[in-house]
Amino acid sequence: MSLKRPPDADRTLDAREVDGEPFGPITSALDDLGPDETLLLVNSFEPEPLYGVLDERGFTHESEQVAPDEWHVEIEHA
């Protein structure tokens, strides 16, 4: 069961709907994220390789597995 966008997320990117490699759309969404906004990334697996990129770019994140094949990662500026 998929959770809908939480009320505190300003933007949502469902990486499962991206045709091809989702890294480009994810970084574009990060570039567009305002200083007080939160991005909800929905993915089919825990995107561990992304965490280092987020740290390097000055973002914090919280991850939660909400279904066997669905992870939610809330991302915001540190």
Protein backbone atom coordinates (compact mmCIF):
# COMPACT_ATOMS: atom_id res chain seq x y z
CA MET A 1 0.00 0.00 0.00
CA SER A 2 1.41 3.35 -1.02
CA LEU A 3 1.13 6.38 1.22
CA LYS A 4 0.04 9.64 -0.35
CA ARG A 5 2.26 12.69 -0.24
CA PRO A 6 2.63 13.76 3.40
CA PRO A 7 1.22 17.20 4.19
CA ASP A 8 4.68 18.54 5.08
CA ALA A 9 6.28 17.64 1.72
CA ASP A 10 6.24 20.55 -0.73
CA ARG A 11 7.27 18.48 -3.75
CA THR A 12 7.16 14.82 -4.67
CA LEU A 13 9.24 12.84 -7.15
CA ASP A 14 8.27 9.23 -7.76
CA ALA A 15 11.46 7.70 -9.17
CA ARG A 16 9.50 4.57 -10.12
CA GLU A 17 7.78 6.61 -12.84
CA VAL A 18 11.01 7.91 -14.39
CA ASP A 19 11.87 6.29 -17.71
CA GLY A 20 15.53 5.35 -17.44
CA GLU A 21 18.08 6.42 -14.84
CA PRO A 22 16.41 8.64 -12.18
CA PHE A 23 19.59 10.43 -11.00
CA GLY A 24 19.16 13.37 -13.40
CA PRO A 25 15.55 14.09 -12.44
CA ILE A 26 16.46 13.74 -8.76
CA THR A 27 19.31 16.27 -8.99
CA SER A 28 17.07 18.63 -10.98
CA ALA A 29 14.43 18.40 -8.26
CA LEU A 30 17.11 19.17 -5.66
CA ASP A 31 18.28 22.19 -7.68
CA ASP A 32 14.69 23.49 -7.76
CA LEU A 33 14.06 22.92 -4.05
CA GLY A 34 13.62 26.15 -2.12
CA PRO A 35 15.43 26.74 1.17
CA ASP A 36 12.33 25.97 3.27
CA GLU A 37 10.87 23.23 1.06
CA THR A 38 10.86 19.46 1.47
CA LEU A 39 11.13 16.93 -1.35
CA LEU A 40 9.56 13.51 -0.96
CA LEU A 41 11.40 10.95 -3.08
CA VAL A 42 9.49 7.71 -3.64
CA ASN A 43 11.59 4.77 -4.76
CA SER A 44 11.29 1.00 -5.10
CA PHE A 45 14.44 0.41 -2.99
CA GLU A 46 16.46 2.28 -0.41
CA PRO A 47 18.57 4.72 -2.47
CA GLU A 48 21.73 4.36 -0.37
CA PRO A 49 24.09 5.71 -3.09
CA LEU A 50 22.10 8.96 -3.06
CA TYR A 51 22.79 9.66 0.62
CA GLY A 52 26.42 10.67 0.05
CA VAL A 53 25.38 13.01 -2.76
CA LEU A 54 22.78 14.60 -0.51
CA ASP A 55 25.37 15.13 2.23
CA GLU A 56 27.85 16.68 -0.21
CA ARG A 57 25.18 19.05 -1.54
CA GLY A 58 24.05 20.21 1.90
CA PHE A 59 20.82 18.25 2.30
CA THR A 60 19.49 16.14 5.14
CA HIS A 61 17.21 13.16 4.68
CA GLU A 62 14.98 10.73 6.53
CA SER A 63 14.15 7.38 4.97
CA GLU A 64 11.28 5.03 5.69
CA GLN A 65 10.29 1.74 4.12
CA VAL A 66 6.50 1.93 3.75
CA ALA A 67 5.98 -1.30 1.78
CA PRO A 68 8.17 -4.22 0.68
CA ASP A 69 8.99 -2.41 -2.57
CA GLU A 70 8.45 1.24 -1.59
CA TRP A 71 10.72 3.67 0.22
CA HIS A 72 10.00 7.30 1.09
CA VAL A 73 12.92 9.68 1.51
CA GLU A 74 12.15 13.16 2.81
CA ILE A 75 14.87 15.58 1.74
CA GLU A 76 15.46 19.16 2.84
CA HIS A 77 18.28 21.68 3.06
CA ALA A 78 20.50 21.19 6.11
